[in-house]
Amino acid sequence: MKAMFFPWLFVGFLFIGISIPLVLEKVPPNRWYGLRVAKTLSSEIIWYQANQVAGYDLMWAGIAIAITTLITALFFERLGSAIFYTINFAVFISVLIVAVVHSFWHLNRL
């Protein structure tokens, strides 16, 4: 049972961990970490503003993934593995799409 929900929980916490330095504006412009597109790399002000929002989006995505995993793990016996994976995968894809769309929407407004 633990082996089934651990990867999902790990991904949720990984997203939260990756997002914290972005939210706190601790990541300077670079080519490896953050929202790295031509517009963000063109200005430090845009870099920090866009990456802070992207960090918050990634943090909320991670929280949603972790909470969904914990809730579905509680009902694993009733759900079964196929429904467990379907729910967690659907939440994973949905929150990532929302995070990416919102991050780029905000970037386009800068």
PDB file of N, CA and C in Angstrom:
ATOM      1  N   MET A   1       0.827  -1.204   0.000  1.00  0.00           N
ATOM      2  CA  MET A   1       0.000   0.000   0.000  1.00  0.00           C
ATOM      3  C   MET A   1       0.860   1.252   0.000  1.00  0.00           C
ATOM      4  N   LYS A   2       1.861   1.326   0.880  1.00  0.00           N
ATOM      5  CA  LYS A   2       2.720   2.502   0.927  1.00  0.00           C
ATOM      6  C   LYS A   2       3.418   2.731  -0.395  1.00  0.00           C
ATOM      7  N   ALA A   3       3.817   1.657  -1.031  1.00  0.00           N
ATOM      8  CA  ALA A   3       4.516   1.775  -2.312  1.00  0.00           C
ATOM      9  C   ALA A   3       3.634   2.411  -3.368  1.00  0.00           C
ATOM     10  N   MET A   4       2.332   2.300  -3.225  1.00  0.00           N
ATOM     11  CA  MET A   4       1.418   2.848  -4.219  1.00  0.00           C
ATOM     12  C   MET A   4       1.244   4.353  -4.079  1.00  0.00           C
ATOM     13  N   PHE A   5       1.214   4.855  -2.853  1.00  0.00           N
ATOM     14  CA  PHE A   5       0.970   6.291  -2.717  1.00  0.00           C
ATOM     15  C   PHE A   5       2.241   7.092  -2.502  1.00  0.00           C
ATOM     16  N   PHE A   6       3.341   6.445  -2.164  1.00  0.00           N
ATOM     17  CA  PHE A   6       4.577   7.178  -1.917  1.00  0.00           C
ATOM     18  C   PHE A   6       5.041   8.025  -3.113  1.00  0.00           C
ATOM     19  N   PRO A   7       5.044   7.510  -4.337  1.00  0.00           N
ATOM     20  CA  PRO A   7       5.502   8.362  -5.457  1.00  0.00           C
ATOM     21  C   PRO A   7       4.667   9.631  -5.637  1.00  0.00           C
ATOM     22  N   TRP A   8       3.353   9.511  -5.453  1.00  0.00           N
ATOM     23  CA  TRP A   8       2.491  10.688  -5.594  1.00  0.00           C
ATOM     24  C   TRP A   8       2.764  11.702  -4.487  1.00  0.00           C
ATOM     25  N   LEU A   9       2.908  11.199  -3.270  1.00  0.00           N
ATOM     26  CA  LEU A   9       3.205  12.077  -2.143  1.00  0.00           C
ATOM     27  C   LEU A   9       4.567  12.737  -2.321  1.00  0.00           C
ATOM     28  N   PHE A  10       5.535  11.970  -2.800  1.00  0.00           N
ATOM     29  CA  PHE A  10       6.872  12.500  -3.055  1.00  0.00           C
ATOM     30  C   PHE A  10       6.825  13.635  -4.077  1.00  0.00           C
ATOM     31  N   VAL A  11       6.077  13.446  -5.148  1.00  0.00           N
ATOM     32  CA  VAL A  11       5.962  14.487  -6.178  1.00  0.00           C
ATOM     33  C   VAL A  11       5.335  15.746  -5.597  1.00  0.00           C
ATOM     34  N   GLY A  12       4.301  15.593  -4.794  1.00  0.00           N
ATOM     35  CA  GLY A  12       3.667  16.758  -4.168  1.00  0.00           C
ATOM     36  C   GLY A  12       4.647  17.535  -3.309  1.00  0.00           C
ATOM     37  N   PHE A  13       5.375  16.818  -2.449  1.00  0.00           N
ATOM     38  CA  PHE A  13       6.355  17.486  -1.588  1.00  0.00           C
ATOM     39  C   PHE A  13       7.544  18.023  -2.375  1.00  0.00           C
ATOM     40  N   LEU A  14       7.914  17.347  -3.447  1.00  0.00           N
ATOM     41  CA  LEU A  14       8.993  17.841  -4.316  1.00  0.00           C
ATOM     42  C   LEU A  14       8.603  19.184  -4.937  1.00  0.00           C
ATOM     43  N   PHE A  15       7.384  19.281  -5.428  1.00  0.00           N
ATOM     44  CA  PHE A  15       6.905  20.539  -6.004  1.00  0.00           C
ATOM     45  C   PHE A  15       6.918  21.653  -4.959  1.00  0.00           C
ATOM     46  N   ILE A  16       6.488  21.328  -3.761  1.00  0.00           N
ATOM     47  CA  ILE A  16       6.492  22.330  -2.688  1.00  0.00           C
ATOM     48  C   ILE A  16       7.928  22.770  -2.409  1.00  0.00           C
ATOM     49  N   GLY A  17       8.838  21.818  -2.299  1.00  0.00           N
ATOM     50  CA  GLY A  17      10.240  22.142  -2.027  1.00  0.00           C
ATOM     51  C   GLY A  17      10.886  22.970  -3.123  1.00  0.00           C
ATOM     52  N   ILE A  18      10.599  22.637  -4.358  1.00  0.00           N
ATOM     53  CA  ILE A  18      11.143  23.394  -5.489  1.00  0.00           C
ATOM     54  C   ILE A  18      10.576  24.810  -5.521  1.00  0.00           C
ATOM     55  N   SER A  19       9.335  24.966  -5.090  1.00  0.00           N
ATOM     56  CA  SER A  19       8.680  26.269  -5.190  1.00  0.00           C
ATOM     57  C   SER A  19       9.147  27.276  -4.147  1.00  0.00           C
ATOM     58  N   ILE A  20       9.588  26.812  -2.996  1.00  0.00           N
ATOM     59  CA  ILE A  20       9.913  27.729  -1.888  1.00  0.00           C
ATOM     60  C   ILE A  20      10.974  28.765  -2.263  1.00  0.00           C
ATOM     61  N   PRO A  21      12.118  28.374  -2.848  1.00  0.00           N
ATOM     62  CA  PRO A  21      13.089  29.411  -3.220  1.00  0.00           C
ATOM     63  C   PRO A  21      12.548  30.400  -4.262  1.00  0.00           C
ATOM     64  N   LEU A  22      11.651  29.935  -5.133  1.00  0.00           N
ATOM     65  CA  LEU A  22      11.069  30.837  -6.133  1.00  0.00           C
ATOM     66  C   LEU A  22      10.142  31.844  -5.462  1.00  0.00           C
ATOM     67  N   VAL A  23       9.321  31.376  -4.536  1.00  0.00           N
ATOM     68  CA  VAL A  23       8.402  32.259  -3.821  1.00  0.00           C
ATOM     69  C   VAL A  23       9.175  33.299  -3.009  1.00  0.00           C
ATOM     70  N   LEU A  24      10.267  32.876  -2.405  1.00  0.00           N
ATOM     71  CA  LEU A  24      11.067  33.776  -1.570  1.00  0.00           C
ATOM     72  C   LEU A  24      12.043  34.641  -2.380  1.00  0.00           C
ATOM     73  N   GLU A  25      11.984  34.523  -3.698  1.00  0.00           N
ATOM     74  CA  GLU A  25      12.848  35.283  -4.613  1.00  0.00           C
ATOM     75  C   GLU A  25      14.332  35.048  -4.326  1.00  0.00           C
ATOM     76  N   LYS A  26      14.702  33.815  -4.062  1.00  0.00           N
ATOM     77  CA  LYS A  26      16.088  33.454  -3.771  1.00  0.00           C
ATOM     78  C   LYS A  26      16.825  32.911  -4.997  1.00  0.00           C
ATOM     79  N   VAL A  27      16.112  32.763  -6.105  1.00  0.00           N
ATOM     80  CA  VAL A  27      16.713  32.196  -7.312  1.00  0.00           C
ATOM     81  C   VAL A  27      16.988  33.316  -8.306  1.00  0.00           C
ATOM     82  N   PRO A  28      18.261  33.659  -8.527  1.00  0.00           N
ATOM     83  CA  PRO A  28      18.574  34.717  -9.497  1.00  0.00           C
ATOM     84  C   PRO A  28      18.369  34.208 -10.920  1.00  0.00           C
ATOM     85  N   PRO A  29      18.318  35.115 -11.871  1.00  0.00           N
ATOM     86  CA  PRO A  29      18.172  34.683 -13.263  1.00  0.00           C
ATOM     87  C   PRO A  29      19.261  33.670 -13.635  1.00  0.00           C
ATOM     88  N   ASN A  30      18.828  32.588 -14.253  1.00  0.00           N
ATOM     89  CA  ASN A  30      19.744  31.531 -14.658  1.00  0.00           C
ATOM     90  C   ASN A  30      19.097  30.728 -15.770  1.00  0.00           C
ATOM     91  N   ARG A  31      19.814  29.785 -16.300  1.00  0.00           N
ATOM     92  CA  ARG A  31      19.284  28.984 -17.408  1.00  0.00           C
ATOM     93  C   ARG A  31      18.864  27.583 -16.974  1.00  0.00           C
ATOM     94  N   TRP A  32      18.791  27.319 -15.655  1.00  0.00           N
ATOM     95  CA  TRP A  32      18.519  25.955 -15.203  1.00  0.00           C
ATOM     96  C   TRP A  32      17.289  25.825 -14.320  1.00  0.00           C
ATOM     97  N   TYR A  33      16.916  26.841 -13.583  1.00  0.00           N
ATOM     98  CA  TYR A  33      15.903  26.702 -12.538  1.00  0.00           C
ATOM     99  C   TYR A  33      14.986  27.903 -12.539  1.00  0.00           C
ATOM    100  N   GLY A  34      13.700  27.670 -12.697  1.00  0.00           N
ATOM    101  CA  GLY A  34      12.730  28.745 -12.710  1.00  0.00           C
ATOM    102  C   GLY A  34      11.982  28.790 -14.025  1.00  0.00           C
ATOM    103  N   LEU A  35      11.182  29.824 -14.184  1.00  0.00           N
ATOM    104  CA  LEU A  35      10.445  30.053 -15.431  1.00  0.00           C
ATOM    105  C   LEU A  35      11.401  30.758 -16.384  1.00  0.00           C
ATOM    106  N   ARG A  36      12.025  29.956 -17.242  1.00  0.00           N
ATOM    107  CA  ARG A  36      13.110  30.448 -18.083  1.00  0.00           C
ATOM    108  C   ARG A  36      12.634  30.605 -19.524  1.00  0.00           C
ATOM    109  N   VAL A  37      12.191  31.774 -19.855  1.00  0.00           N
ATOM    110  CA  VAL A  37      11.821  32.113 -21.224  1.00  0.00           C
ATOM    111  C   VAL A  37      12.498  33.439 -21.549  1.00  0.00           C
ATOM    112  N   ALA A  38      12.470  33.817 -22.797  1.00  0.00           N
ATOM    113  CA  ALA A  38      13.171  35.033 -23.215  1.00  0.00           C
ATOM    114  C   ALA A  38      12.749  36.252 -22.394  1.00  0.00           C
ATOM    115  N   LYS A  39      11.468  36.380 -22.125  1.00  0.00           N
ATOM    116  CA  LYS A  39      10.987  37.555 -21.397  1.00  0.00           C
ATOM    117  C   LYS A  39      11.524  37.598 -19.966  1.00  0.00           C
ATOM    118  N   THR A  40      11.536  36.474 -19.265  1.00  0.00           N
ATOM    119  CA  THR A  40      12.024  36.487 -17.892  1.00  0.00           C
ATOM    120  C   THR A  40      13.530  36.669 -17.833  1.00  0.00           C
ATOM    121  N   LEU A  41      14.228  36.173 -18.835  1.00  0.00           N
ATOM    122  CA  LEU A  41      15.684  36.319 -18.857  1.00  0.00           C
ATOM    123  C   LEU A  41      16.116  37.715 -19.305  1.00  0.00           C
ATOM    124  N   SER A  42      15.171  38.508 -19.814  1.00  0.00           N
ATOM    125  CA  SER A  42      15.510  39.842 -20.306  1.00  0.00           C
ATOM    126  C   SER A  42      15.569  40.904 -19.210  1.00  0.00           C
ATOM    127  N   SER A  43      14.986  40.616 -18.047  1.00  0.00           N
ATOM    128  CA  SER A  43      14.915  41.624 -16.991  1.00  0.00           C
ATOM    129  C   SER A  43      14.856  40.943 -15.626  1.00  0.00           C
ATOM    130  N   GLU A  44      15.661  41.433 -14.696  1.00  0.00           N
ATOM    131  CA  GLU A  44      15.625  40.875 -13.341  1.00  0.00           C
ATOM    132  C   GLU A  44      14.280  41.130 -12.668  1.00  0.00           C
ATOM    133  N   ILE A  45      13.697  42.290 -12.914  1.00  0.00           N
ATOM    134  CA  ILE A  45      12.400  42.613 -12.304  1.00  0.00           C
ATOM    135  C   ILE A  45      11.347  41.617 -12.776  1.00  0.00           C
ATOM    136  N   ILE A  46      11.296  41.395 -14.091  1.00  0.00           N
ATOM    137  CA  ILE A  46      10.338  40.431 -14.635  1.00  0.00           C
ATOM    138  C   ILE A  46      10.660  39.025 -14.134  1.00  0.00           C
ATOM    139  N   TRP A  47      11.948  38.676 -14.075  1.00  0.00           N
ATOM    140  CA  TRP A  47      12.360  37.356 -13.587  1.00  0.00           C
ATOM    141  C   TRP A  47      11.772  37.073 -12.206  1.00  0.00           C
ATOM    142  N   TYR A  48      12.010  37.989 -11.263  1.00  0.00           N
ATOM    143  CA  TYR A  48      11.565  37.750  -9.895  1.00  0.00           C
ATOM    144  C   TYR A  48      10.038  37.760  -9.774  1.00  0.00           C
ATOM    145  N   GLN A  49       9.373  38.669 -10.466  1.00  0.00           N
ATOM    146  CA  GLN A  49       7.913  38.720 -10.396  1.00  0.00           C
ATOM    147  C   GLN A  49       7.283  37.469 -10.990  1.00  0.00           C
ATOM    148  N   ALA A  50       7.739  37.082 -12.162  1.00  0.00           N
ATOM    149  CA  ALA A  50       7.168  35.914 -12.836  1.00  0.00           C
ATOM    150  C   ALA A  50       7.468  34.625 -12.085  1.00  0.00           C
ATOM    151  N   ASN A  51       8.672  34.505 -11.581  1.00  0.00           N
ATOM    152  CA  ASN A  51       9.046  33.280 -10.878  1.00  0.00           C
ATOM    153  C   ASN A  51       8.409  33.179  -9.498  1.00  0.00           C
ATOM    154  N   GLN A  52       8.107  34.302  -8.880  1.00  0.00           N
ATOM    155  CA  GLN A  52       7.396  34.247  -7.606  1.00  0.00           C
ATOM    156  C   GLN A  52       5.983  33.692  -7.829  1.00  0.00           C
ATOM    157  N   VAL A  53       5.320  34.186  -8.856  1.00  0.00           N
ATOM    158  CA  VAL A  53       3.977  33.682  -9.168  1.00  0.00           C
ATOM    159  C   VAL A  53       4.047  32.213  -9.583  1.00  0.00           C
ATOM    160  N   ALA A  54       5.005  31.870 -10.423  1.00  0.00           N
ATOM    161  CA  ALA A  54       5.171  30.467 -10.829  1.00  0.00           C
ATOM    162  C   ALA A  54       5.471  29.590  -9.610  1.00  0.00           C
ATOM    163  N   GLY A  55       6.241  30.114  -8.667  1.00  0.00           N
ATOM    164  CA  GLY A  55       6.530  29.381  -7.445  1.00  0.00           C
ATOM    165  C   GLY A  55       5.278  29.124  -6.623  1.00  0.00           C
ATOM    166  N   TYR A  56       4.440  30.157  -6.472  1.00  0.00           N
ATOM    167  CA  TYR A  56       3.179  29.972  -5.757  1.00  0.00           C
ATOM    168  C   TYR A  56       2.292  28.952  -6.476  1.00  0.00           C
ATOM    169  N   ASP A  57       2.239  29.051  -7.797  1.00  0.00           N
ATOM    170  CA  ASP A  57       1.438  28.092  -8.567  1.00  0.00           C
ATOM    171  C   ASP A  57       1.942  26.669  -8.356  1.00  0.00           C
ATOM    172  N   LEU A  58       3.248  26.487  -8.377  1.00  0.00           N
ATOM    173  CA  LEU A  58       3.834  25.162  -8.177  1.00  0.00           C
ATOM    174  C   LEU A  58       3.605  24.679  -6.747  1.00  0.00           C
ATOM    175  N   MET A  59       3.673  25.602  -5.790  1.00  0.00           N
ATOM    176  CA  MET A  59       3.428  25.239  -4.396  1.00  0.00           C
ATOM    177  C   MET A  59       1.997  24.747  -4.217  1.00  0.00           C
ATOM    178  N   TRP A  60       1.024  25.475  -4.749  1.00  0.00           N
ATOM    179  CA  TRP A  60      -0.373  25.063  -4.621  1.00  0.00           C
ATOM    180  C   TRP A  60      -0.629  23.760  -5.360  1.00  0.00           C
ATOM    181  N   ALA A  61       0.055  23.557  -6.485  1.00  0.00           N
ATOM    182  CA  ALA A  61      -0.071  22.280  -7.195  1.00  0.00           C
ATOM    183  C   ALA A  61       0.447  21.143  -6.314  1.00  0.00           C
ATOM    184  N   GLY A  62       1.586  21.349  -5.684  1.00  0.00           N
ATOM    185  CA  GLY A  62       2.154  20.334  -4.802  1.00  0.00           C
ATOM    186  C   GLY A  62       1.261  20.036  -3.617  1.00  0.00           C
ATOM    187  N   ILE A  63       0.677  21.080  -3.046  1.00  0.00           N
ATOM    188  CA  ILE A  63      -0.240  20.890  -1.916  1.00  0.00           C
ATOM    189  C   ILE A  63      -1.464  20.091  -2.365  1.00  0.00           C
ATOM    190  N   ALA A  64      -2.014  20.431  -3.518  1.00  0.00           N
ATOM    191  CA  ALA A  64      -3.187  19.705  -4.026  1.00  0.00           C
ATOM    192  C   ALA A  64      -2.856  18.239  -4.292  1.00  0.00           C
ATOM    193  N   ILE A  65      -1.689  17.982  -4.853  1.00  0.00           N
ATOM    194  CA  ILE A  65      -1.273  16.600  -5.126  1.00  0.00           C
ATOM    195  C   ILE A  65      -1.102  15.832  -3.824  1.00  0.00           C
ATOM    196  N   ALA A  66      -0.434  16.433  -2.851  1.00  0.00           N
ATOM    197  CA  ALA A  66      -0.200  15.754  -1.570  1.00  0.00           C
ATOM    198  C   ALA A  66      -1.510  15.483  -0.835  1.00  0.00           C
ATOM    199  N   ILE A  67      -2.393  16.464  -0.790  1.00  0.00           N
ATOM    200  CA  ILE A  67      -3.679  16.277  -0.097  1.00  0.00           C
ATOM    201  C   ILE A  67      -4.518  15.214  -0.797  1.00  0.00           C
ATOM    202  N   THR A  68      -4.568  15.258  -2.119  1.00  0.00           N
ATOM    203  CA  THR A  68      -5.314  14.247  -2.865  1.00  0.00           C
ATOM    204  C   THR A  68      -4.763  12.854  -2.594  1.00  0.00           C
ATOM    205  N   THR A  69      -3.445  12.744  -2.569  1.00  0.00           N
ATOM    206  CA  THR A  69      -2.831  11.449  -2.294  1.00  0.00           C
ATOM    207  C   THR A  69      -3.201  10.943  -0.911  1.00  0.00           C
ATOM    208  N   LEU A  70      -3.140  11.810   0.082  1.00  0.00           N
ATOM    209  CA  LEU A  70      -3.485  11.390   1.443  1.00  0.00           C
ATOM    210  C   LEU A  70      -4.948  10.989   1.562  1.00  0.00           C
ATOM    211  N   ILE A  71      -5.826  11.738   0.929  1.00  0.00           N
ATOM    212  CA  ILE A  71      -7.255  11.414   0.990  1.00  0.00           C
ATOM    213  C   ILE A  71      -7.549  10.106   0.265  1.00  0.00           C
ATOM    214  N   THR A  72      -7.007   9.941  -0.935  1.00  0.00           N
ATOM    215  CA  THR A  72      -7.266   8.697  -1.669  1.00  0.00           C
ATOM    216  C   THR A  72      -6.603   7.500  -0.986  1.00  0.00           C
ATOM    217  N   ALA A  73      -5.499   7.720  -0.291  1.00  0.00           N
ATOM    218  CA  ALA A  73      -4.857   6.627   0.448  1.00  0.00           C
ATOM    219  C   ALA A  73      -5.745   6.148   1.590  1.00  0.00           C
ATOM    220  N   LEU A  74      -6.469   7.067   2.212  1.00  0.00           N
ATOM    221  CA  LEU A  74      -7.383   6.686   3.287  1.00  0.00           C
ATOM    222  C   LEU A  74      -8.495   5.755   2.794  1.00  0.00           C
ATOM    223  N   PHE A  75      -8.896   5.956   1.545  1.00  0.00           N
ATOM    224  CA  PHE A  75      -9.990   5.173   0.973  1.00  0.00           C
ATOM    225  C   PHE A  75      -9.507   4.150  -0.039  1.00  0.00           C
ATOM    226  N   PHE A  76      -8.216   3.813   0.024  1.00  0.00           N
ATOM    227  CA  PHE A  76      -7.634   2.916  -0.971  1.00  0.00           C
ATOM    228  C   PHE A  76      -8.353   1.573  -1.053  1.00  0.00           C
ATOM    229  N   GLU A  77      -8.685   1.005   0.082  1.00  0.00           N
ATOM    230  CA  GLU A  77      -9.341  -0.311   0.087  1.00  0.00           C
ATOM    231  C   GLU A  77     -10.684  -0.266  -0.648  1.00  0.00           C
ATOM    232  N   ARG A  78     -11.401   0.820  -0.488  1.00  0.00           N
ATOM    233  CA  ARG A  78     -12.700   0.961  -1.176  1.00  0.00           C
ATOM    234  C   ARG A  78     -12.530   1.326  -2.646  1.00  0.00           C
ATOM    235  N   LEU A  79     -11.516   2.140  -2.941  1.00  0.00           N
ATOM    236  CA  LEU A  79     -11.332   2.622  -4.314  1.00  0.00           C
ATOM    237  C   LEU A  79     -10.720   1.571  -5.224  1.00  0.00           C
ATOM    238  N   GLY A  80      -9.731   0.878  -4.718  1.00  0.00           N
ATOM    239  CA  GLY A  80      -8.960  -0.030  -5.565  1.00  0.00           C
ATOM    240  C   GLY A  80      -7.841   0.735  -6.244  1.00  0.00           C
ATOM    241  N   SER A  81      -6.864   0.000  -6.724  1.00  0.00           N
ATOM    242  CA  SER A  81      -5.669   0.652  -7.266  1.00  0.00           C
ATOM    243  C   SER A  81      -5.934   1.431  -8.554  1.00  0.00           C
ATOM    244  N   ALA A  82      -6.814   0.927  -9.425  1.00  0.00           N
ATOM    245  CA  ALA A  82      -7.070   1.607 -10.702  1.00  0.00           C
ATOM    246  C   ALA A  82      -7.696   2.985 -10.475  1.00  0.00           C
ATOM    247  N   ILE A  83      -8.671   3.062  -9.601  1.00  0.00           N
ATOM    248  CA  ILE A  83      -9.324   4.347  -9.325  1.00  0.00           C
ATOM    249  C   ILE A  83      -8.371   5.260  -8.564  1.00  0.00           C
ATOM    250  N   PHE A  84      -7.604   4.690  -7.636  1.00  0.00           N
ATOM    251  CA  PHE A  84      -6.602   5.468  -6.901  1.00  0.00           C
ATOM    252  C   PHE A  84      -5.654   6.160  -7.877  1.00  0.00           C
ATOM    253  N   TYR A  85      -5.087   5.394  -8.813  1.00  0.00           N
ATOM    254  CA  TYR A  85      -4.162   5.977  -9.782  1.00  0.00           C
ATOM    255  C   TYR A  85      -4.849   6.959 -10.716  1.00  0.00           C
ATOM    256  N   THR A  86      -6.061   6.661 -11.128  1.00  0.00           N
ATOM    257  CA  THR A  86      -6.790   7.557 -12.029  1.00  0.00           C
ATOM    258  C   THR A  86      -7.043   8.910 -11.377  1.00  0.00           C
ATOM    259  N   ILE A  87      -7.505   8.890 -10.136  1.00  0.00           N
ATOM    260  CA  ILE A  87      -7.777  10.144  -9.424  1.00  0.00           C
ATOM    261  C   ILE A  87      -6.487  10.943  -9.247  1.00  0.00           C
ATOM    262  N   ASN A  88      -5.437  10.292  -8.779  1.00  0.00           N
ATOM    263  CA  ASN A  88      -4.179  11.001  -8.533  1.00  0.00           C
ATOM    264  C   ASN A  88      -3.557  11.516  -9.821  1.00  0.00           C
ATOM    265  N   PHE A  89      -3.635  10.736 -10.881  1.00  0.00           N
ATOM    266  CA  PHE A  89      -3.086  11.192 -12.161  1.00  0.00           C
ATOM    267  C   PHE A  89      -3.897  12.368 -12.701  1.00  0.00           C
ATOM    268  N   ALA A  90      -5.216  12.298 -12.576  1.00  0.00           N
ATOM    269  CA  ALA A  90      -6.071  13.391 -13.059  1.00  0.00           C
ATOM    270  C   ALA A  90      -5.784  14.681 -12.298  1.00  0.00           C
ATOM    271  N   VAL A  91      -5.619  14.587 -10.994  1.00  0.00           N
ATOM    272  CA  VAL A  91      -5.301  15.782 -10.200  1.00  0.00           C
ATOM    273  C   VAL A  91      -3.917  16.296 -10.581  1.00  0.00           C
ATOM    274  N   PHE A  92      -2.949  15.413 -10.727  1.00  0.00           N
ATOM    275  CA  PHE A  92      -1.588  15.791 -11.112  1.00  0.00           C
ATOM    276  C   PHE A  92      -1.594  16.588 -12.424  1.00  0.00           C
ATOM    277  N   ILE A  93      -2.234  16.042 -13.442  1.00  0.00           N
ATOM    278  CA  ILE A  93      -2.279  16.714 -14.752  1.00  0.00           C
ATOM    279  C   ILE A  93      -3.054  18.023 -14.654  1.00  0.00           C
ATOM    280  N   SER A  94      -4.189  18.002 -13.982  1.00  0.00           N
ATOM    281  CA  SER A  94      -5.031  19.206 -13.884  1.00  0.00           C
ATOM    282  C   SER A  94      -4.314  20.356 -13.202  1.00  0.00           C
ATOM    283  N   VAL A  95      -3.710  20.087 -12.045  1.00  0.00           N
ATOM    284  CA  VAL A  95      -3.073  21.188 -11.329  1.00  0.00           C
ATOM    285  C   VAL A  95      -1.834  21.689 -12.057  1.00  0.00           C
ATOM    286  N   LEU A  96      -1.138  20.808 -12.761  1.00  0.00           N
ATOM    287  CA  LEU A  96       0.009  21.276 -13.549  1.00  0.00           C
ATOM    288  C   LEU A  96      -0.438  22.159 -14.703  1.00  0.00           C
ATOM    289  N   ILE A  97      -1.503  21.783 -15.363  1.00  0.00           N
ATOM    290  CA  ILE A  97      -2.024  22.607 -16.463  1.00  0.00           C
ATOM    291  C   ILE A  97      -2.445  23.974 -15.938  1.00  0.00           C
ATOM    292  N   VAL A  98      -3.170  23.988 -14.832  1.00  0.00           N
ATOM    293  CA  VAL A  98      -3.607  25.259 -14.243  1.00  0.00           C
ATOM    294  C   VAL A  98      -2.395  26.098 -13.849  1.00  0.00           C
ATOM    295  N   ALA A  99      -1.390  25.482 -13.225  1.00  0.00           N
ATOM    296  CA  ALA A  99      -0.198  26.218 -12.793  1.00  0.00           C
ATOM    297  C   ALA A  99       0.546  26.815 -13.986  1.00  0.00           C
ATOM    298  N   VAL A 100       0.735  26.038 -15.027  1.00  0.00           N
ATOM    299  CA  VAL A 100       1.463  26.529 -16.208  1.00  0.00           C
ATOM    300  C   VAL A 100       0.684  27.635 -16.904  1.00  0.00           C
ATOM    301  N   VAL A 101      -0.605  27.415 -17.099  1.00  0.00           N
ATOM    302  CA  VAL A 101      -1.431  28.432 -17.773  1.00  0.00           C
ATOM    303  C   VAL A 101      -1.448  29.729 -16.967  1.00  0.00           C
ATOM    304  N   HIS A 102      -1.636  29.628 -15.656  1.00  0.00           N
ATOM    305  CA  HIS A 102      -1.670  30.835 -14.833  1.00  0.00           C
ATOM    306  C   HIS A 102      -0.315  31.540 -14.825  1.00  0.00           C
ATOM    307  N   SER A 103       0.762  30.791 -14.743  1.00  0.00           N
ATOM    308  CA  SER A 103       2.098  31.390 -14.731  1.00  0.00           C
ATOM    309  C   SER A 103       2.361  32.167 -16.019  1.00  0.00           C
ATOM    310  N   PHE A 104       2.011  31.575 -17.156  1.00  0.00           N
ATOM    311  CA  PHE A 104       2.229  32.264 -18.427  1.00  0.00           C
ATOM    312  C   PHE A 104       1.244  33.402 -18.626  1.00  0.00           C
ATOM    313  N   TRP A 105       0.030  33.255 -18.122  1.00  0.00           N
ATOM    314  CA  TRP A 105      -0.935  34.357 -18.192  1.00  0.00           C
ATOM    315  C   TRP A 105      -0.385  35.557 -17.419  1.00  0.00           C
ATOM    316  N   HIS A 106       0.128  35.307 -16.229  1.00  0.00           N
ATOM    317  CA  HIS A 106       0.703  36.384 -15.427  1.00  0.00           C
ATOM    318  C   HIS A 106       1.937  36.991 -16.128  1.00  0.00           C
ATOM    319  N   LEU A 107       2.773  36.152 -16.676  1.00  0.00           N
ATOM    320  CA  LEU A 107       3.959  36.640 -17.393  1.00  0.00           C
ATOM    321  C   LEU A 107       3.566  37.553 -18.535  1.00  0.00           C
ATOM    322  N   ASN A 108       2.535  37.207 -19.276  1.00  0.00           N
ATOM    323  CA  ASN A 108       2.101  38.037 -20.392  1.00  0.00           C
ATOM    324  C   ASN A 108       1.530  39.374 -19.956  1.00  0.00           C
ATOM    325  N   ARG A 109       1.130  39.477 -18.703  1.00  0.00           N
ATOM    326  CA  ARG A 109       0.607  40.741 -18.175  1.00  0.00           C
ATOM    327  C   ARG A 109       1.709  41.654 -17.665  1.00  0.00           C
ATOM    328  N   LEU A 110       2.928  41.146 -17.523  1.00  0.00           N
ATOM    329  CA  LEU A 110       4.052  41.971 -17.036  1.00  0.00           C
ATOM    330  C   LEU A 110       4.579  42.845 -18.146  1.00  0.00           C
TER     331      LEU A 110
END
